[in-house]
Amino acid sequence: MTILDNYLRIKREVEIYKNKKIIVVSKGQSIEKIKPLLESGHIDFGENRVQEAMTKWEDLRSQFNNSKLHLIGALQTNKAKEALSLFDYIHSLDNEKLAKILSALENATQKKIKYFIQVNLGQENQKRGISDERLKDFINYCHNDLKLNIIGLMCIPPDNQEPGFYFERLSTLNKKFSLPELSMGMSSDYKIALKHNATYLRIGRSIFS
């Protein structure tokens, strides 16, 4: 099976559901492996690190200017300026300081992008994210005070636990705050995420393996 075969198989599985998008997680992948997917018409790609994304995508986007880049990894404040210039979506907004910096950069550059708030549902110390108890205040701060375009929530379930439980909780929170998009599900659990109303699936290993 080629990379394109893997992608098309997963695409057929996802198309059974309405209005779902695959983010091809291209972190660590070469331009040669990414190009066939771009040539097939796929536009949504995810990267974990700003520097790696800049190295690969500045040239690729000159050839495929309809592509959309999603930052799915943690964003350090000192990389916010570069991230804003390159990405169309950030899936890992997770603290007030970062939100404030991104808002200031948007105002200075007149560029608006779309954000998912990362939620730490498992309350894991090693993972970043807003706790569900603080979520309402954080959404209001981002929406009302900073004028950021918050389109949905994102989570990464704890390892070795049933992901459906966490996907259901995140889906419920997303509906509670009337957010239109929901970023959850990776190679190991995207089929479960689809059943819990995920709209953006972050899939890498199952495509590139």
C-alpha atoms as a PDB file:
ATOM      1  CA  MET A   1       0.000   0.000   0.000  1.00  0.00           C
ATOM      2  CA  THR A   2       1.281   3.440  -0.908  1.00  0.00           C
ATOM      3  CA  ILE A   3       0.824   6.622   1.123  1.00  0.00           C
ATOM      4  CA  LEU A   4      -1.846   7.707  -1.336  1.00  0.00           C
ATOM      5  CA  ASP A   5      -3.619   4.329  -1.019  1.00  0.00           C
ATOM      6  CA  ASN A   6      -3.682   4.682   2.769  1.00  0.00           C
ATOM      7  CA  TYR A   7      -5.037   8.212   2.520  1.00  0.00           C
ATOM      8  CA  LEU A   8      -7.779   7.257   0.054  1.00  0.00           C
ATOM      9  CA  ARG A   9      -8.865   4.317   2.229  1.00  0.00           C
ATOM     10  CA  ILE A  10      -9.207   6.536   5.292  1.00  0.00           C
ATOM     11  CA  LYS A  11     -10.899   9.239   3.247  1.00  0.00           C
ATOM     12  CA  ARG A  12     -13.575   6.742   2.167  1.00  0.00           C
ATOM     13  CA  GLU A  13     -14.146   5.765   5.803  1.00  0.00           C
ATOM     14  CA  VAL A  14     -14.515   9.395   6.853  1.00  0.00           C
ATOM     15  CA  GLU A  15     -16.771  10.382   3.952  1.00  0.00           C
ATOM     16  CA  ILE A  16     -19.533   8.181   5.354  1.00  0.00           C
ATOM     17  CA  TYR A  17     -19.938  10.921   7.954  1.00  0.00           C
ATOM     18  CA  LYS A  18     -20.976  14.413   6.908  1.00  0.00           C
ATOM     19  CA  ASN A  19     -18.736  17.508   7.045  1.00  0.00           C
ATOM     20  CA  LYS A  20     -15.640  15.850   8.469  1.00  0.00           C
ATOM     21  CA  LYS A  21     -12.089  16.840   7.538  1.00  0.00           C
ATOM     22  CA  ILE A  22      -8.839  14.929   7.697  1.00  0.00           C
ATOM     23  CA  ILE A  23      -5.777  16.842   8.809  1.00  0.00           C
ATOM     24  CA  VAL A  24      -2.863  14.883   7.383  1.00  0.00           C
ATOM     25  CA  VAL A  25      -0.228  15.094  10.114  1.00  0.00           C
ATOM     26  CA  SER A  26       2.914  15.704   8.082  1.00  0.00           C
ATOM     27  CA  LYS A  27       5.334  16.289  10.972  1.00  0.00           C
ATOM     28  CA  GLY A  28       8.597  14.475  10.368  1.00  0.00           C
ATOM     29  CA  GLN A  29       7.645  13.660   6.781  1.00  0.00           C
ATOM     30  CA  SER A  30       9.647  14.677   3.724  1.00  0.00           C
ATOM     31  CA  ILE A  31       8.379  16.923   0.957  1.00  0.00           C
ATOM     32  CA  GLU A  32       8.539  13.920  -1.389  1.00  0.00           C
ATOM     33  CA  LYS A  33       6.041  12.031   0.792  1.00  0.00           C
ATOM     34  CA  ILE A  34       3.713  15.013   1.207  1.00  0.00           C
ATOM     35  CA  LYS A  35       3.548  16.060  -2.443  1.00  0.00           C
ATOM     36  CA  PRO A  36       1.426  13.146  -3.762  1.00  0.00           C
ATOM     37  CA  LEU A  37      -1.281  14.067  -1.247  1.00  0.00           C
ATOM     38  CA  LEU A  38      -1.194  17.716  -2.314  1.00  0.00           C
ATOM     39  CA  GLU A  39      -1.335  16.652  -5.957  1.00  0.00           C
ATOM     40  CA  SER A  40      -4.375  14.499  -5.199  1.00  0.00           C
ATOM     41  CA  GLY A  41      -6.199  17.627  -4.006  1.00  0.00           C
ATOM     42  CA  HIS A  42      -5.892  17.292  -0.242  1.00  0.00           C
ATOM     43  CA  ILE A  43      -5.447  20.680   1.421  1.00  0.00           C
ATOM     44  CA  ASP A  44      -5.378  20.287   5.254  1.00  0.00           C
ATOM     45  CA  PHE A  45      -2.028  19.414   6.825  1.00  0.00           C
ATOM     46  CA  GLY A  46      -0.838  19.436  10.430  1.00  0.00           C
ATOM     47  CA  GLU A  47       2.580  20.222  11.874  1.00  0.00           C
ATOM     48  CA  ASN A  48       3.828  20.061  15.464  1.00  0.00           C
ATOM     49  CA  ARG A  49       6.747  22.481  15.299  1.00  0.00           C
ATOM     50  CA  VAL A  50       6.876  25.957  13.833  1.00  0.00           C
ATOM     51  CA  GLN A  51      10.482  25.733  12.642  1.00  0.00           C
ATOM     52  CA  GLU A  52       9.986  22.432  10.813  1.00  0.00           C
ATOM     53  CA  ALA A  53       6.832  23.742   9.192  1.00  0.00           C
ATOM     54  CA  MET A  54       8.600  26.877   7.954  1.00  0.00           C
ATOM     55  CA  THR A  55      11.363  24.800   6.393  1.00  0.00           C
ATOM     56  CA  LYS A  56       8.967  22.568   4.454  1.00  0.00           C
ATOM     57  CA  TRP A  57       5.931  24.647   3.720  1.00  0.00           C
ATOM     58  CA  GLU A  58       7.189  28.010   2.520  1.00  0.00           C
ATOM     59  CA  ASP A  59       8.185  26.361  -0.762  1.00  0.00           C
ATOM     60  CA  LEU A  60       5.263  23.930  -0.908  1.00  0.00           C
ATOM     61  CA  ARG A  61       2.687  26.677  -0.420  1.00  0.00           C
ATOM     62  CA  SER A  62       4.076  28.611  -3.349  1.00  0.00           C
ATOM     63  CA  GLN A  63       3.174  25.584  -5.480  1.00  0.00           C
ATOM     64  CA  PHE A  64      -0.065  24.632  -3.684  1.00  0.00           C
ATOM     65  CA  ASN A  65      -1.465  27.965  -2.562  1.00  0.00           C
ATOM     66  CA  ASN A  66      -4.863  26.573  -1.537  1.00  0.00           C
ATOM     67  CA  SER A  67      -3.319  24.382   1.172  1.00  0.00           C
ATOM     68  CA  LYS A  68      -4.282  24.996   4.797  1.00  0.00           C
ATOM     69  CA  LEU A  69      -1.788  24.559   7.622  1.00  0.00           C
ATOM     70  CA  HIS A  70      -2.786  23.518  11.130  1.00  0.00           C
ATOM     71  CA  LEU A  71      -0.461  23.861  14.120  1.00  0.00           C
ATOM     72  CA  ILE A  72      -1.375  20.871  16.261  1.00  0.00           C
ATOM     73  CA  GLY A  73       1.571  20.912  18.679  1.00  0.00           C
ATOM     74  CA  ALA A  74       2.255  23.153  21.652  1.00  0.00           C
ATOM     75  CA  LEU A  75       3.063  26.759  20.778  1.00  0.00           C
ATOM     76  CA  GLN A  76       5.698  28.648  22.747  1.00  0.00           C
ATOM     77  CA  THR A  77       5.120  32.380  23.029  1.00  0.00           C
ATOM     78  CA  ASN A  78       8.471  33.166  21.382  1.00  0.00           C
ATOM     79  CA  LYS A  79       7.269  31.377  18.229  1.00  0.00           C
ATOM     80  CA  ALA A  80       3.869  33.076  18.092  1.00  0.00           C
ATOM     81  CA  LYS A  81       4.834  35.619  15.435  1.00  0.00           C
ATOM     82  CA  GLU A  82       6.153  32.964  13.049  1.00  0.00           C
ATOM     83  CA  ALA A  83       3.160  30.739  13.747  1.00  0.00           C
ATOM     84  CA  LEU A  84       0.687  33.482  12.938  1.00  0.00           C
ATOM     85  CA  SER A  85       2.407  34.254   9.648  1.00  0.00           C
ATOM     86  CA  LEU A  86       2.451  30.617   8.490  1.00  0.00           C
ATOM     87  CA  PHE A  87      -0.568  28.805   9.910  1.00  0.00           C
ATOM     88  CA  ASP A  88      -4.268  29.095   9.148  1.00  0.00           C
ATOM     89  CA  TYR A  89      -5.383  27.217  12.273  1.00  0.00           C
ATOM     90  CA  ILE A  90      -3.891  26.771  15.742  1.00  0.00           C
ATOM     91  CA  HIS A  91      -5.272  23.780  17.664  1.00  0.00           C
ATOM     92  CA  SER A  92      -3.306  24.297  20.883  1.00  0.00           C
ATOM     93  CA  LEU A  93      -4.358  27.617  22.389  1.00  0.00           C
ATOM     94  CA  ASP A  94      -4.037  26.894  26.096  1.00  0.00           C
ATOM     95  CA  ASN A  95      -3.223  29.954  28.217  1.00  0.00           C
ATOM     96  CA  GLU A  96      -3.985  33.639  28.655  1.00  0.00           C
ATOM     97  CA  LYS A  97      -0.458  34.890  27.963  1.00  0.00           C
ATOM     98  CA  LEU A  98      -0.317  33.158  24.571  1.00  0.00           C
ATOM     99  CA  ALA A  99      -3.833  34.322  23.693  1.00  0.00           C
ATOM    100  CA  LYS A 100      -2.930  37.934  24.489  1.00  0.00           C
ATOM    101  CA  ILE A 101       0.223  37.796  22.352  1.00  0.00           C
ATOM    102  CA  LEU A 102      -1.641  36.267  19.405  1.00  0.00           C
ATOM    103  CA  SER A 103      -4.351  38.922  19.666  1.00  0.00           C
ATOM    104  CA  ALA A 104      -1.742  41.699  19.584  1.00  0.00           C
ATOM    105  CA  LEU A 105      -0.058  40.115  16.574  1.00  0.00           C
ATOM    106  CA  GLU A 106      -3.375  39.832  14.745  1.00  0.00           C
ATOM    107  CA  ASN A 107      -4.069  43.503  15.376  1.00  0.00           C
ATOM    108  CA  ALA A 108      -0.603  44.479  14.140  1.00  0.00           C
ATOM    109  CA  THR A 109      -0.667  42.357  10.997  1.00  0.00           C
ATOM    110  CA  GLN A 110      -4.389  42.459  10.193  1.00  0.00           C
ATOM    111  CA  LYS A 111      -4.304  38.680   9.763  1.00  0.00           C
ATOM    112  CA  LYS A 112      -7.047  36.610  11.390  1.00  0.00           C
ATOM    113  CA  ILE A 113      -6.698  32.879  11.887  1.00  0.00           C
ATOM    114  CA  LYS A 114      -8.848  30.201  13.504  1.00  0.00           C
ATOM    115  CA  TYR A 115      -8.257  28.709  16.933  1.00  0.00           C
ATOM    116  CA  PHE A 116      -9.102  25.589  18.878  1.00  0.00           C
ATOM    117  CA  ILE A 117      -8.708  25.673  22.648  1.00  0.00           C
ATOM    118  CA  GLN A 118      -6.842  22.661  23.997  1.00  0.00           C
ATOM    119  CA  VAL A 119      -8.646  21.130  26.964  1.00  0.00           C
ATOM    120  CA  ASN A 120      -6.861  18.899  29.496  1.00  0.00           C
ATOM    121  CA  LEU A 121      -9.781  16.634  30.377  1.00  0.00           C
ATOM    122  CA  GLY A 122      -7.577  14.074  32.091  1.00  0.00           C
ATOM    123  CA  GLN A 123      -6.012  16.742  34.332  1.00  0.00           C
ATOM    124  CA  GLU A 124      -2.612  15.318  33.452  1.00  0.00           C
ATOM    125  CA  ASN A 125       0.327  17.324  34.769  1.00  0.00           C
ATOM    126  CA  GLN A 126       2.504  16.415  31.783  1.00  0.00           C
ATOM    127  CA  LYS A 127      -0.025  17.697  29.252  1.00  0.00           C
ATOM    128  CA  ARG A 128      -0.951  21.255  28.436  1.00  0.00           C
ATOM    129  CA  GLY A 129      -4.490  22.519  28.219  1.00  0.00           C
ATOM    130  CA  ILE A 130      -7.231  24.434  29.969  1.00  0.00           C
ATOM    131  CA  SER A 131      -9.174  22.559  32.653  1.00  0.00           C
ATOM    132  CA  ASP A 132     -12.884  22.210  31.979  1.00  0.00           C
ATOM    133  CA  GLU A 133     -13.568  24.248  35.143  1.00  0.00           C
ATOM    134  CA  ARG A 134     -11.724  27.258  33.678  1.00  0.00           C
ATOM    135  CA  LEU A 135     -13.001  26.817  30.139  1.00  0.00           C
ATOM    136  CA  LYS A 136     -15.980  29.186  30.257  1.00  0.00           C
ATOM    137  CA  ASP A 137     -13.909  32.111  31.538  1.00  0.00           C
ATOM    138  CA  PHE A 138     -11.121  31.430  29.051  1.00  0.00           C
ATOM    139  CA  ILE A 139     -13.501  31.274  26.081  1.00  0.00           C
ATOM    140  CA  ASN A 140     -15.141  34.523  27.158  1.00  0.00           C
ATOM    141  CA  TYR A 141     -11.746  36.188  27.550  1.00  0.00           C
ATOM    142  CA  CYS A 142     -10.603  35.071  24.083  1.00  0.00           C
ATOM    143  CA  HIS A 143     -13.907  35.940  22.395  1.00  0.00           C
ATOM    144  CA  ASN A 144     -14.890  39.139  24.132  1.00  0.00           C
ATOM    145  CA  ASP A 145     -11.662  40.763  25.280  1.00  0.00           C
ATOM    146  CA  LEU A 146      -9.199  39.598  22.632  1.00  0.00           C
ATOM    147  CA  LYS A 147     -11.546  39.125  19.655  1.00  0.00           C
ATOM    148  CA  LEU A 148      -9.934  35.812  18.703  1.00  0.00           C
ATOM    149  CA  ASN A 149     -11.851  33.541  16.341  1.00  0.00           C
ATOM    150  CA  ILE A 150     -12.404  30.507  18.578  1.00  0.00           C
ATOM    151  CA  ILE A 151     -14.036  27.821  16.436  1.00  0.00           C
ATOM    152  CA  GLY A 152     -13.826  24.776  18.684  1.00  0.00           C
ATOM    153  CA  LEU A 153     -12.144  22.629  21.314  1.00  0.00           C
ATOM    154  CA  MET A 154      -9.325  20.103  21.047  1.00  0.00           C
ATOM    155  CA  CYS A 155      -8.163  17.281  23.289  1.00  0.00           C
ATOM    156  CA  ILE A 156      -5.699  14.413  23.458  1.00  0.00           C
ATOM    157  CA  PRO A 157      -7.116  11.628  25.667  1.00  0.00           C
ATOM    158  CA  PRO A 158      -4.901  10.099  28.374  1.00  0.00           C
ATOM    159  CA  ASP A 159      -2.831   7.131  27.242  1.00  0.00           C
ATOM    160  CA  ASN A 160      -4.163   3.651  27.949  1.00  0.00           C
ATOM    161  CA  GLN A 161      -7.660   4.864  28.762  1.00  0.00           C
ATOM    162  CA  GLU A 162     -10.892   4.553  26.828  1.00  0.00           C
ATOM    163  CA  PRO A 163     -10.866   7.558  24.429  1.00  0.00           C
ATOM    164  CA  GLY A 164     -14.625   7.491  23.880  1.00  0.00           C
ATOM    165  CA  PHE A 165     -15.252   8.728  27.419  1.00  0.00           C
ATOM    166  CA  TYR A 166     -13.107  11.820  26.834  1.00  0.00           C
ATOM    167  CA  PHE A 167     -14.417  12.401  23.318  1.00  0.00           C
ATOM    168  CA  GLU A 168     -17.971  12.391  24.647  1.00  0.00           C
ATOM    169  CA  ARG A 169     -17.061  14.894  27.373  1.00  0.00           C
ATOM    170  CA  LEU A 170     -15.373  17.212  24.885  1.00  0.00           C
ATOM    171  CA  SER A 171     -18.280  16.956  22.469  1.00  0.00           C
ATOM    172  CA  THR A 172     -20.675  17.903  25.273  1.00  0.00           C
ATOM    173  CA  LEU A 173     -18.538  20.918  26.186  1.00  0.00           C
ATOM    174  CA  ASN A 174     -18.318  21.970  22.555  1.00  0.00           C
ATOM    175  CA  LYS A 175     -22.107  21.945  22.270  1.00  0.00           C
ATOM    176  CA  LYS A 176     -22.474  23.779  25.579  1.00  0.00           C
ATOM    177  CA  PHE A 177     -20.455  26.693  24.226  1.00  0.00           C
ATOM    178  CA  SER A 178     -22.044  26.528  20.751  1.00  0.00           C
ATOM    179  CA  LEU A 179     -18.731  26.035  18.976  1.00  0.00           C
ATOM    180  CA  PRO A 180     -18.988  24.740  15.402  1.00  0.00           C
ATOM    181  CA  GLU A 181     -15.836  22.602  15.091  1.00  0.00           C
ATOM    182  CA  LEU A 182     -14.259  19.842  17.178  1.00  0.00           C
ATOM    183  CA  SER A 183     -10.649  18.661  16.843  1.00  0.00           C
ATOM    184  CA  MET A 184     -10.106  15.161  18.174  1.00  0.00           C
ATOM    185  CA  GLY A 185      -9.117  11.719  16.990  1.00  0.00           C
ATOM    186  CA  MET A 186      -5.770  10.431  15.730  1.00  0.00           C
ATOM    187  CA  SER A 187      -4.611   7.318  13.901  1.00  0.00           C
ATOM    188  CA  SER A 188      -5.403   5.006  16.805  1.00  0.00           C
ATOM    189  CA  ASP A 189      -8.847   6.362  17.657  1.00  0.00           C
ATOM    190  CA  TYR A 190     -10.275   8.465  14.810  1.00  0.00           C
ATOM    191  CA  LYS A 191     -13.108   5.998  14.207  1.00  0.00           C
ATOM    192  CA  ILE A 192     -14.243   6.494  17.799  1.00  0.00           C
ATOM    193  CA  ALA A 193     -13.887  10.270  17.488  1.00  0.00           C
ATOM    194  CA  LEU A 194     -16.134  10.269  14.415  1.00  0.00           C
ATOM    195  CA  LYS A 195     -18.922   8.736  16.485  1.00  0.00           C
ATOM    196  CA  HIS A 196     -18.602  11.609  18.975  1.00  0.00           C
ATOM    197  CA  ASN A 197     -19.006  14.442  16.459  1.00  0.00           C
ATOM    198  CA  ALA A 198     -15.360  15.231  15.695  1.00  0.00           C
ATOM    199  CA  THR A 199     -15.101  17.504  12.659  1.00  0.00           C
ATOM    200  CA  TYR A 200     -11.297  17.608  12.306  1.00  0.00           C
ATOM    201  CA  LEU A 201      -9.313  14.363  12.590  1.00  0.00           C
ATOM    202  CA  ARG A 202      -5.531  14.533  13.030  1.00  0.00           C
ATOM    203  CA  ILE A 203      -4.188  11.475  11.214  1.00  0.00           C
ATOM    204  CA  GLY A 204      -0.537  10.798  10.416  1.00  0.00           C
ATOM    205  CA  ARG A 205       0.813   7.337  11.204  1.00  0.00           C
ATOM    206  CA  SER A 206      -1.997   5.442   9.454  1.00  0.00           C
ATOM    207  CA  ILE A 207      -1.345   7.403   6.268  1.00  0.00           C
ATOM    208  CA  PHE A 208       2.452   7.442   6.186  1.00  0.00           C
ATOM    209  CA  SER A 209       3.179   3.944   7.552  1.00  0.00           C
END
